[in-house]
PDB file of all heavy atoms in Angstrom:
ATOM      1  N   LEU A   1       0.831  -1.205   0.000  1.00  0.00           N
ATOM      2  CA  LEU A   1       0.000   0.000   0.000  1.00  0.00           C
ATOM      3  C   LEU A   1       0.859   1.246   0.000  1.00  0.00           C
ATOM      4  O   LEU A   1       0.591   2.202  -0.719  1.00  0.00           O
ATOM      5  CB  LEU A   1      -0.915   0.001   1.233  1.00  0.00           C
ATOM      6  CG  LEU A   1      -1.733   1.267   1.484  1.00  0.00           C
ATOM      7  CD1 LEU A   1      -2.735   1.485   0.361  1.00  0.00           C
ATOM      8  CD2 LEU A   1      -2.444   1.169   2.819  1.00  0.00           C
ATOM      9  N   ARG A   2       1.938   1.228   0.779  1.00  0.00           N
ATOM     10  CA  ARG A   2       2.794   2.398   0.871  1.00  0.00           C
ATOM     11  C   ARG A   2       3.357   2.783  -0.478  1.00  0.00           C
ATOM     12  O   ARG A   2       3.490   3.951  -0.807  1.00  0.00           O
ATOM     13  CB  ARG A   2       3.945   2.136   1.854  1.00  0.00           C
ATOM     14  CG  ARG A   2       3.514   2.181   3.300  1.00  0.00           C
ATOM     15  CD  ARG A   2       4.716   2.293   4.206  1.00  0.00           C
ATOM     16  NE  ARG A   2       5.658   1.212   3.997  1.00  0.00           N
ATOM     17  CZ  ARG A   2       5.578   0.030   4.588  1.00  0.00           C
ATOM     18  NH1 ARG A   2       4.584  -0.235   5.394  1.00  0.00           N
ATOM     19  NH2 ARG A   2       6.489  -0.894   4.374  1.00  0.00           N
ATOM     20  N   LEU A   3       3.729   1.791  -1.269  1.00  0.00           N
ATOM     21  CA  LEU A   3       4.358   2.075  -2.546  1.00  0.00           C
ATOM     22  C   LEU A   3       3.417   2.697  -3.548  1.00  0.00           C
ATOM     23  O   LEU A   3       3.845   3.277  -4.531  1.00  0.00           O
ATOM     24  CB  LEU A   3       4.948   0.779  -3.123  1.00  0.00           C
ATOM     25  CG  LEU A   3       6.191   0.277  -2.401  1.00  0.00           C
ATOM     26  CD1 LEU A   3       6.641  -1.053  -2.992  1.00  0.00           C
ATOM     27  CD2 LEU A   3       7.325   1.288  -2.492  1.00  0.00           C
ATOM     28  N   ILE A   4       2.106   2.581  -3.305  1.00  0.00           N
ATOM     29  CA  ILE A   4       1.159   3.184  -4.242  1.00  0.00           C
ATOM     30  C   ILE A   4       0.328   4.283  -3.596  1.00  0.00           C
ATOM     31  O   ILE A   4      -0.587   4.803  -4.192  1.00  0.00           O
ATOM     32  CB  ILE A   4       0.204   2.118  -4.829  1.00  0.00           C
ATOM     33  CG1 ILE A   4      -0.627   1.456  -3.724  1.00  0.00           C
ATOM     34  CG2 ILE A   4       0.967   1.086  -5.624  1.00  0.00           C
ATOM     35  CD1 ILE A   4      -1.709   0.538  -4.250  1.00  0.00           C
ATOM     36  N   THR A   5       0.694   4.650  -2.351  1.00  0.00           N
ATOM     37  CA  THR A   5      -0.088   5.670  -1.644  1.00  0.00           C
ATOM     38  C   THR A   5      -0.189   6.945  -2.455  1.00  0.00           C
ATOM     39  O   THR A   5      -1.240   7.531  -2.591  1.00  0.00           O
ATOM     40  CB  THR A   5       0.556   5.985  -0.285  1.00  0.00           C
ATOM     41  OG1 THR A   5       0.572   4.799   0.483  1.00  0.00           O
ATOM     42  CG2 THR A   5      -0.248   7.041   0.451  1.00  0.00           C
ATOM     43  N   TYR A   6       0.960   7.370  -2.979  1.00  0.00           N
ATOM     44  CA  TYR A   6       0.962   8.530  -3.865  1.00  0.00           C
ATOM     45  C   TYR A   6       1.489   8.076  -5.209  1.00  0.00           C
ATOM     46  O   TYR A   6       2.612   8.356  -5.588  1.00  0.00           O
ATOM     47  CB  TYR A   6       1.793   9.684  -3.262  1.00  0.00           C
ATOM     48  CG  TYR A   6       1.011  10.407  -2.218  1.00  0.00           C
ATOM     49  CD1 TYR A   6       1.049   9.997  -0.896  1.00  0.00           C
ATOM     50  CD2 TYR A   6       0.169  11.459  -2.546  1.00  0.00           C
ATOM     51  CE1 TYR A   6       0.285  10.631   0.066  1.00  0.00           C
ATOM     52  CE2 TYR A   6      -0.593  12.097  -1.589  1.00  0.00           C
ATOM     53  CZ  TYR A   6      -0.521  11.681  -0.295  1.00  0.00           C
ATOM     54  OH  TYR A   6      -1.274  12.302   0.664  1.00  0.00           O
ATOM     55  N   SER A   7       0.648   7.286  -5.893  1.00  0.00           N
ATOM     56  CA  SER A   7       0.978   6.778  -7.218  1.00  0.00           C
ATOM     57  C   SER A   7       1.017   7.933  -8.195  1.00  0.00           C
ATOM     58  O   SER A   7       0.725   9.061  -7.842  1.00  0.00           O
ATOM     59  CB  SER A   7      -0.079   5.768  -7.670  1.00  0.00           C
ATOM     60  OG  SER A   7      -1.337   6.410  -7.742  1.00  0.00           O
ATOM     61  N   ILE A   8       1.366   7.638  -9.432  1.00  0.00           N
ATOM     62  CA  ILE A   8       1.464   8.698 -10.428  1.00  0.00           C
ATOM     63  C   ILE A   8       0.165   9.488 -10.513  1.00  0.00           C
ATOM     64  O   ILE A   8       0.153  10.705 -10.600  1.00  0.00           O
ATOM     65  CB  ILE A   8       1.819   8.112 -11.806  1.00  0.00           C
ATOM     66  CG1 ILE A   8       3.261   7.578 -11.776  1.00  0.00           C
ATOM     67  CG2 ILE A   8       1.706   9.162 -12.887  1.00  0.00           C
ATOM     68  CD1 ILE A   8       4.293   8.610 -11.398  1.00  0.00           C
ATOM     69  N   GLY A   9      -0.964   8.802 -10.468  1.00  0.00           N
ATOM     70  CA  GLY A   9      -2.241   9.506 -10.515  1.00  0.00           C
ATOM     71  C   GLY A   9      -2.402  10.464  -9.366  1.00  0.00           C
ATOM     72  O   GLY A   9      -2.848  11.599  -9.535  1.00  0.00           O
ATOM     73  N   GLY A  10      -2.003  10.016  -8.155  1.00  0.00           N
ATOM     74  CA  GLY A  10      -2.094  10.881  -6.997  1.00  0.00           C
ATOM     75  C   GLY A  10      -1.148  12.052  -7.094  1.00  0.00           C
ATOM     76  O   GLY A  10      -1.485  13.178  -6.715  1.00  0.00           O
ATOM     77  N   VAL A  11       0.047  11.802  -7.595  1.00  0.00           N
ATOM     78  CA  VAL A  11       1.011  12.882  -7.758  1.00  0.00           C
ATOM     79  C   VAL A  11       0.502  13.923  -8.733  1.00  0.00           C
ATOM     80  O   VAL A  11       0.671  15.122  -8.536  1.00  0.00           O
ATOM     81  CB  VAL A  11       2.371  12.318  -8.234  1.00  0.00           C
ATOM     82  CG1 VAL A  11       3.300  13.457  -8.632  1.00  0.00           C
ATOM     83  CG2 VAL A  11       3.013  11.490  -7.142  1.00  0.00           C
ATOM     84  N   VAL A  12      -0.156  13.469  -9.792  1.00  0.00           N
ATOM     85  CA  VAL A  12      -0.711  14.405 -10.773  1.00  0.00           C
ATOM     86  C   VAL A  12      -1.694  15.345 -10.095  1.00  0.00           C
ATOM     87  O   VAL A  12      -1.654  16.561 -10.286  1.00  0.00           O
ATOM     88  CB  VAL A  12      -1.418  13.654 -11.922  1.00  0.00           C
ATOM     89  CG1 VAL A  12      -2.172  14.637 -12.805  1.00  0.00           C
ATOM     90  CG2 VAL A  12      -0.414  12.881 -12.756  1.00  0.00           C
ATOM     91  N   VAL A  13      -2.586  14.795  -9.283  1.00  0.00           N
ATOM     92  CA  VAL A  13      -3.583  15.615  -8.598  1.00  0.00           C
ATOM     93  C   VAL A  13      -2.911  16.631  -7.691  1.00  0.00           C
ATOM     94  O   VAL A  13      -3.258  17.819  -7.687  1.00  0.00           O
ATOM     95  CB  VAL A  13      -4.539  14.725  -7.769  1.00  0.00           C
ATOM     96  CG1 VAL A  13      -5.460  15.583  -6.928  1.00  0.00           C
ATOM     97  CG2 VAL A  13      -5.346  13.830  -8.693  1.00  0.00           C
ATOM     98  N   LEU A  14      -1.937  16.179  -6.919  1.00  0.00           N
ATOM     99  CA  LEU A  14      -1.246  17.079  -6.007  1.00  0.00           C
ATOM    100  C   LEU A  14      -0.532  18.193  -6.749  1.00  0.00           C
ATOM    101  O   LEU A  14      -0.661  19.365  -6.415  1.00  0.00           O
ATOM    102  CB  LEU A  14      -0.213  16.290  -5.186  1.00  0.00           C
ATOM    103  CG  LEU A  14      -0.748  15.376  -4.090  1.00  0.00           C
ATOM    104  CD1 LEU A  14       0.398  14.563  -3.512  1.00  0.00           C
ATOM    105  CD2 LEU A  14      -1.406  16.186  -2.997  1.00  0.00           C
ATOM    106  N   LEU A  15       0.191  17.818  -7.762  1.00  0.00           N
ATOM    107  CA  LEU A  15       1.044  18.786  -8.424  1.00  0.00           C
ATOM    108  C   LEU A  15       0.268  19.754  -9.292  1.00  0.00           C
ATOM    109  O   LEU A  15       0.603  20.939  -9.351  1.00  0.00           O
ATOM    110  CB  LEU A  15       2.094  18.059  -9.264  1.00  0.00           C
ATOM    111  CG  LEU A  15       3.056  17.184  -8.456  1.00  0.00           C
ATOM    112  CD1 LEU A  15       4.141  16.614  -9.362  1.00  0.00           C
ATOM    113  CD2 LEU A  15       3.697  17.979  -7.337  1.00  0.00           C
ATOM    114  N   VAL A  16      -0.753  19.278  -9.974  1.00  0.00           N
ATOM    115  CA  VAL A  16      -1.548  20.181 -10.804  1.00  0.00           C
ATOM    116  C   VAL A  16      -2.227  21.226  -9.942  1.00  0.00           C
ATOM    117  O   VAL A  16      -2.219  22.421 -10.238  1.00  0.00           O
ATOM    118  CB  VAL A  16      -2.592  19.402 -11.639  1.00  0.00           C
ATOM    119  CG1 VAL A  16      -3.564  20.366 -12.291  1.00  0.00           C
ATOM    120  CG2 VAL A  16      -1.890  18.576 -12.714  1.00  0.00           C
ATOM    121  N   GLY A  17      -2.815  20.773  -8.813  1.00  0.00           N
ATOM    122  CA  GLY A  17      -3.455  21.717  -7.907  1.00  0.00           C
ATOM    123  C   GLY A  17      -2.462  22.716  -7.353  1.00  0.00           C
ATOM    124  O   GLY A  17      -2.730  23.918  -7.275  1.00  0.00           O
ATOM    125  N   TYR A  18      -1.313  22.227  -6.982  1.00  0.00           N
ATOM    126  CA  TYR A  18      -0.270  23.076  -6.442  1.00  0.00           C
ATOM    127  C   TYR A  18       0.217  24.079  -7.483  1.00  0.00           C
ATOM    128  O   TYR A  18       0.381  25.263  -7.203  1.00  0.00           O
ATOM    129  CB  TYR A  18       0.885  22.180  -5.983  1.00  0.00           C
ATOM    130  CG  TYR A  18       2.106  22.912  -5.494  1.00  0.00           C
ATOM    131  CD1 TYR A  18       2.024  23.841  -4.458  1.00  0.00           C
ATOM    132  CD2 TYR A  18       3.353  22.641  -6.052  1.00  0.00           C
ATOM    133  CE1 TYR A  18       3.148  24.487  -3.997  1.00  0.00           C
ATOM    134  CE2 TYR A  18       4.479  23.287  -5.597  1.00  0.00           C
ATOM    135  CZ  TYR A  18       4.373  24.207  -4.562  1.00  0.00           C
ATOM    136  OH  TYR A  18       5.495  24.837  -4.110  1.00  0.00           O
ATOM    137  N   LEU A  19       0.403  23.603  -8.711  1.00  0.00           N
ATOM    138  CA  LEU A  19       0.895  24.460  -9.779  1.00  0.00           C
ATOM    139  C   LEU A  19      -0.090  25.579 -10.098  1.00  0.00           C
ATOM    140  O   LEU A  19       0.291  26.740 -10.227  1.00  0.00           O
ATOM    141  CB  LEU A  19       1.163  23.635 -11.037  1.00  0.00           C
ATOM    142  CG  LEU A  19       1.639  24.406 -12.274  1.00  0.00           C
ATOM    143  CD1 LEU A  19       2.938  25.143 -11.989  1.00  0.00           C
ATOM    144  CD2 LEU A  19       1.813  23.474 -13.456  1.00  0.00           C
ATOM    145  N   VAL A  20      -1.362  25.219 -10.215  1.00  0.00           N
ATOM    146  CA  VAL A  20      -2.384  26.227 -10.519  1.00  0.00           C
ATOM    147  C   VAL A  20      -2.393  27.308  -9.448  1.00  0.00           C
ATOM    148  O   VAL A  20      -2.464  28.504  -9.736  1.00  0.00           O
ATOM    149  CB  VAL A  20      -3.771  25.576 -10.631  1.00  0.00           C
ATOM    150  CG1 VAL A  20      -4.858  26.637 -10.689  1.00  0.00           C
ATOM    151  CG2 VAL A  20      -3.835  24.688 -11.870  1.00  0.00           C
ATOM    152  N   TYR A  21      -2.309  26.887  -8.205  1.00  0.00           N
ATOM    153  CA  TYR A  21      -2.291  27.848  -7.099  1.00  0.00           C
ATOM    154  C   TYR A  21      -1.092  28.784  -7.197  1.00  0.00           C
ATOM    155  O   TYR A  21      -1.226  30.007  -7.133  1.00  0.00           O
ATOM    156  CB  TYR A  21      -2.251  27.072  -5.774  1.00  0.00           C
ATOM    157  CG  TYR A  21      -1.996  27.932  -4.566  1.00  0.00           C
ATOM    158  CD1 TYR A  21      -2.980  28.783  -4.067  1.00  0.00           C
ATOM    159  CD2 TYR A  21      -0.773  27.882  -3.916  1.00  0.00           C
ATOM    160  CE1 TYR A  21      -2.745  29.566  -2.943  1.00  0.00           C
ATOM    161  CE2 TYR A  21      -0.535  28.660  -2.799  1.00  0.00           C
ATOM    162  CZ  TYR A  21      -1.516  29.496  -2.316  1.00  0.00           C
ATOM    163  OH  TYR A  21      -1.287  30.257  -1.210  1.00  0.00           O
ATOM    164  N   ARG A  22       0.075  28.199  -7.393  1.00  0.00           N
ATOM    165  CA  ARG A  22       1.284  28.997  -7.408  1.00  0.00           C
ATOM    166  C   ARG A  22       1.387  29.898  -8.635  1.00  0.00           C
ATOM    167  O   ARG A  22       2.022  30.950  -8.593  1.00  0.00           O
ATOM    168  CB  ARG A  22       2.516  28.091  -7.329  1.00  0.00           C
ATOM    169  CG  ARG A  22       2.691  27.387  -6.002  1.00  0.00           C
ATOM    170  CD  ARG A  22       2.893  28.355  -4.852  1.00  0.00           C
ATOM    171  NE  ARG A  22       4.145  29.070  -4.956  1.00  0.00           N
ATOM    172  CZ  ARG A  22       5.280  28.666  -4.384  1.00  0.00           C
ATOM    173  NH1 ARG A  22       5.305  27.542  -3.689  1.00  0.00           N
ATOM    174  NH2 ARG A  22       6.373  29.377  -4.513  1.00  0.00           N
ATOM    175  N   GLN A  23       0.781  29.514  -9.727  1.00  0.00           N
ATOM    176  CA  GLN A  23       0.863  30.312 -10.949  1.00  0.00           C
ATOM    177  C   GLN A  23       0.296  31.719 -10.746  1.00  0.00           C
ATOM    178  O   GLN A  23       0.713  32.669 -11.393  1.00  0.00           O
ATOM    179  CB  GLN A  23       0.123  29.625 -12.103  1.00  0.00           C
ATOM    180  CG  GLN A  23       0.943  28.524 -12.750  1.00  0.00           C
ATOM    181  CD  GLN A  23       0.202  27.844 -13.864  1.00  0.00           C
ATOM    182  OE1 GLN A  23      -1.028  27.826 -13.885  1.00  0.00           O
ATOM    183  NE2 GLN A  23       0.929  27.257 -14.792  1.00  0.00           N
ATOM    184  N   PHE A  24      -0.646  31.842  -9.844  1.00  0.00           N
ATOM    185  CA  PHE A  24      -1.296  33.130  -9.639  1.00  0.00           C
ATOM    186  C   PHE A  24      -0.550  34.025  -8.658  1.00  0.00           C
ATOM    187  O   PHE A  24      -0.777  35.230  -8.621  1.00  0.00           O
ATOM    188  CB  PHE A  24      -2.734  32.922  -9.142  1.00  0.00           C
ATOM    189  CG  PHE A  24      -3.645  32.404 -10.214  1.00  0.00           C
ATOM    190  CD1 PHE A  24      -3.979  31.063 -10.267  1.00  0.00           C
ATOM    191  CD2 PHE A  24      -4.168  33.251 -11.176  1.00  0.00           C
ATOM    192  CE1 PHE A  24      -4.825  30.583 -11.257  1.00  0.00           C
ATOM    193  CE2 PHE A  24      -5.002  32.771 -12.173  1.00  0.00           C
ATOM    194  CZ  PHE A  24      -5.334  31.435 -12.211  1.00  0.00           C
ATOM    195  N   ILE A  25       0.347  33.447  -7.876  1.00  0.00           N
ATOM    196  CA  ILE A  25       0.997  34.270  -6.860  1.00  0.00           C
ATOM    197  C   ILE A  25       2.508  34.308  -7.000  1.00  0.00           C
ATOM    198  O   ILE A  25       3.170  35.079  -6.325  1.00  0.00           O
ATOM    199  CB  ILE A  25       0.637  33.789  -5.436  1.00  0.00           C
ATOM    200  CG1 ILE A  25       1.204  32.388  -5.173  1.00  0.00           C
ATOM    201  CG2 ILE A  25      -0.852  33.798  -5.223  1.00  0.00           C
ATOM    202  CD1 ILE A  25       1.062  31.969  -3.714  1.00  0.00           C
ATOM    203  N   PHE A  26       3.062  33.463  -7.843  1.00  0.00           N
ATOM    204  CA  PHE A  26       4.519  33.386  -7.955  1.00  0.00           C
ATOM    205  C   PHE A  26       5.022  34.389  -8.978  1.00  0.00           C
ATOM    206  O   PHE A  26       4.347  34.714  -9.945  1.00  0.00           O
ATOM    207  CB  PHE A  26       4.944  31.970  -8.352  1.00  0.00           C
ATOM    208  CG  PHE A  26       6.083  31.456  -7.528  1.00  0.00           C
ATOM    209  CD1 PHE A  26       5.924  31.234  -6.166  1.00  0.00           C
ATOM    210  CD2 PHE A  26       7.308  31.218  -8.105  1.00  0.00           C
ATOM    211  CE1 PHE A  26       6.967  30.755  -5.409  1.00  0.00           C
ATOM    212  CE2 PHE A  26       8.365  30.728  -7.338  1.00  0.00           C
ATOM    213  CZ  PHE A  26       8.199  30.504  -5.987  1.00  0.00           C
ATOM    214  N   GLY A  27       6.231  34.883  -8.771  1.00  0.00           N
ATOM    215  CA  GLY A  27       6.800  35.912  -9.634  1.00  0.00           C
ATOM    216  C   GLY A  27       7.134  35.412 -11.024  1.00  0.00           C
ATOM    217  O   GLY A  27       7.213  34.207 -11.267  1.00  0.00           O
ATOM    218  N   PRO A  28       7.387  36.327 -11.962  1.00  0.00           N
ATOM    219  CA  PRO A  28       7.663  35.988 -13.351  1.00  0.00           C
ATOM    220  C   PRO A  28       8.944  35.189 -13.544  1.00  0.00           C
ATOM    221  O   PRO A  28       9.115  34.533 -14.570  1.00  0.00           O
ATOM    222  CB  PRO A  28       7.763  37.357 -14.043  1.00  0.00           C
ATOM    223  CG  PRO A  28       8.053  38.320 -12.933  1.00  0.00           C
ATOM    224  CD  PRO A  28       7.330  37.772 -11.738  1.00  0.00           C
ATOM    225  N   GLU A  29       9.847  35.203 -12.553  1.00  0.00           N
ATOM    226  CA  GLU A  29      11.085  34.448 -12.691  1.00  0.00           C
ATOM    227  C   GLU A  29      10.831  32.954 -12.764  1.00  0.00           C
ATOM    228  O   GLU A  29      11.679  32.181 -13.162  1.00  0.00           O
ATOM    229  CB  GLU A  29      12.045  34.755 -11.521  1.00  0.00           C
ATOM    230  CG  GLU A  29      11.569  34.291 -10.155  1.00  0.00           C
ATOM    231  CD  GLU A  29      10.694  35.323  -9.459  1.00  0.00           C
ATOM    232  OE1 GLU A  29      10.232  36.267 -10.124  1.00  0.00           O
ATOM    233  OE2 GLU A  29      10.468  35.162  -8.250  1.00  0.00           O
ATOM    234  N   ASN A  30       9.633  32.544 -12.383  1.00  0.00           N
ATOM    235  CA  ASN A  30       9.298  31.120 -12.399  1.00  0.00           C
ATOM    236  C   ASN A  30       8.542  30.696 -13.657  1.00  0.00           C
ATOM    237  O   ASN A  30       8.213  29.527 -13.804  1.00  0.00           O
ATOM    238  CB  ASN A  30       8.445  30.764 -11.175  1.00  0.00           C
ATOM    239  CG  ASN A  30       9.276  30.710  -9.907  1.00  0.00           C
ATOM    240  OD1 ASN A  30      10.027  29.783  -9.710  1.00  0.00           O
ATOM    241  ND2 ASN A  30       9.157  31.731  -9.084  1.00  0.00           N
ATOM    242  N   ASP A  31       8.238  31.637 -14.540  1.00  0.00           N
ATOM    243  CA  ASP A  31       7.408  31.323 -15.710  1.00  0.00           C
ATOM    244  C   ASP A  31       7.941  30.150 -16.522  1.00  0.00           C
ATOM    245  O   ASP A  31       7.189  29.264 -16.930  1.00  0.00           O
ATOM    246  CB  ASP A  31       7.286  32.559 -16.609  1.00  0.00           C
ATOM    247  CG  ASP A  31       6.355  33.613 -15.997  1.00  0.00           C
ATOM    248  OD1 ASP A  31       5.662  33.289 -15.018  1.00  0.00           O
ATOM    249  OD2 ASP A  31       6.349  34.731 -16.508  1.00  0.00           O
ATOM    250  N   LYS A  32       9.240  30.148 -16.766  1.00  0.00           N
ATOM    251  CA  LYS A  32       9.820  29.100 -17.612  1.00  0.00           C
ATOM    252  C   LYS A  32       9.829  27.741 -16.932  1.00  0.00           C
ATOM    253  O   LYS A  32       9.881  26.711 -17.592  1.00  0.00           O
ATOM    254  CB  LYS A  32      11.246  29.491 -18.015  1.00  0.00           C
ATOM    255  CG  LYS A  32      11.315  30.664 -18.970  1.00  0.00           C
ATOM    256  CD  LYS A  32      12.764  30.944 -19.364  1.00  0.00           C
ATOM    257  CE  LYS A  32      12.852  32.115 -20.339  1.00  0.00           C
ATOM    258  NZ  LYS A  32      14.255  32.405 -20.717  1.00  0.00           N
ATOM    259  N   SER A  33       9.781  27.732 -15.615  1.00  0.00           N
ATOM    260  CA  SER A  33       9.873  26.469 -14.880  1.00  0.00           C
ATOM    261  C   SER A  33       8.547  25.734 -14.803  1.00  0.00           C
ATOM    262  O   SER A  33       8.516  24.530 -14.585  1.00  0.00           O
ATOM    263  CB  SER A  33      10.377  26.728 -13.461  1.00  0.00           C
ATOM    264  OG  SER A  33       9.331  27.197 -12.624  1.00  0.00           O
ATOM    265  N   LYS A  34       7.443  26.465 -14.991  1.00  0.00           N
ATOM    266  CA  LYS A  34       6.135  25.907 -14.648  1.00  0.00           C
ATOM    267  C   LYS A  34       5.750  24.679 -15.459  1.00  0.00           C
ATOM    268  O   LYS A  34       5.062  23.789 -14.966  1.00  0.00           O
ATOM    269  CB  LYS A  34       5.068  26.994 -14.771  1.00  0.00           C
ATOM    270  CG  LYS A  34       5.181  28.042 -13.675  1.00  0.00           C
ATOM    271  CD  LYS A  34       4.197  29.185 -13.868  1.00  0.00           C
ATOM    272  CE  LYS A  34       4.340  30.213 -12.766  1.00  0.00           C
ATOM    273  NZ  LYS A  34       3.485  31.392 -12.973  1.00  0.00           N
ATOM    274  N   GLY A  35       6.172  24.635 -16.711  1.00  0.00           N
ATOM    275  CA  GLY A  35       5.841  23.464 -17.522  1.00  0.00           C
ATOM    276  C   GLY A  35       7.015  22.543 -17.743  1.00  0.00           C
ATOM    277  O   GLY A  35       6.926  21.567 -18.490  1.00  0.00           O
ATOM    278  N   ALA A  36       8.127  22.833 -17.059  1.00  0.00           N
ATOM    279  CA  ALA A  36       9.367  22.110 -17.334  1.00  0.00           C
ATOM    280  C   ALA A  36       9.311  20.637 -16.929  1.00  0.00           C
ATOM    281  O   ALA A  36      10.010  19.802 -17.509  1.00  0.00           O
ATOM    282  CB  ALA A  36      10.530  22.801 -16.621  1.00  0.00           C
ATOM    283  N   TYR A  37       8.493  20.322 -15.941  1.00  0.00           N
ATOM    284  CA  TYR A  37       8.463  18.947 -15.441  1.00  0.00           C
ATOM    285  C   TYR A  37       7.474  18.054 -16.188  1.00  0.00           C
ATOM    286  O   TYR A  37       7.419  16.842 -15.951  1.00  0.00           O
ATOM    287  CB  TYR A  37       8.108  18.936 -13.947  1.00  0.00           C
ATOM    288  CG  TYR A  37       6.696  19.374 -13.655  1.00  0.00           C
ATOM    289  CD1 TYR A  37       5.643  18.460 -13.642  1.00  0.00           C
ATOM    290  CD2 TYR A  37       6.405  20.711 -13.388  1.00  0.00           C
ATOM    291  CE1 TYR A  37       4.346  18.872 -13.385  1.00  0.00           C
ATOM    292  CE2 TYR A  37       5.121  21.119 -13.126  1.00  0.00           C
ATOM    293  CZ  TYR A  37       4.099  20.206 -13.127  1.00  0.00           C
ATOM    294  OH  TYR A  37       2.816  20.610 -12.874  1.00  0.00           O
TER     295      TYR A  37
END
């Protein structure tokens, strides 16, 4: 169970939500990094 607790699907949910949030408040120096991963 531990190995799939945060499976790729779960990571997608976490990171997309996190990214959307940060896109609105983070400075322009991060623009190029946002889609890099």
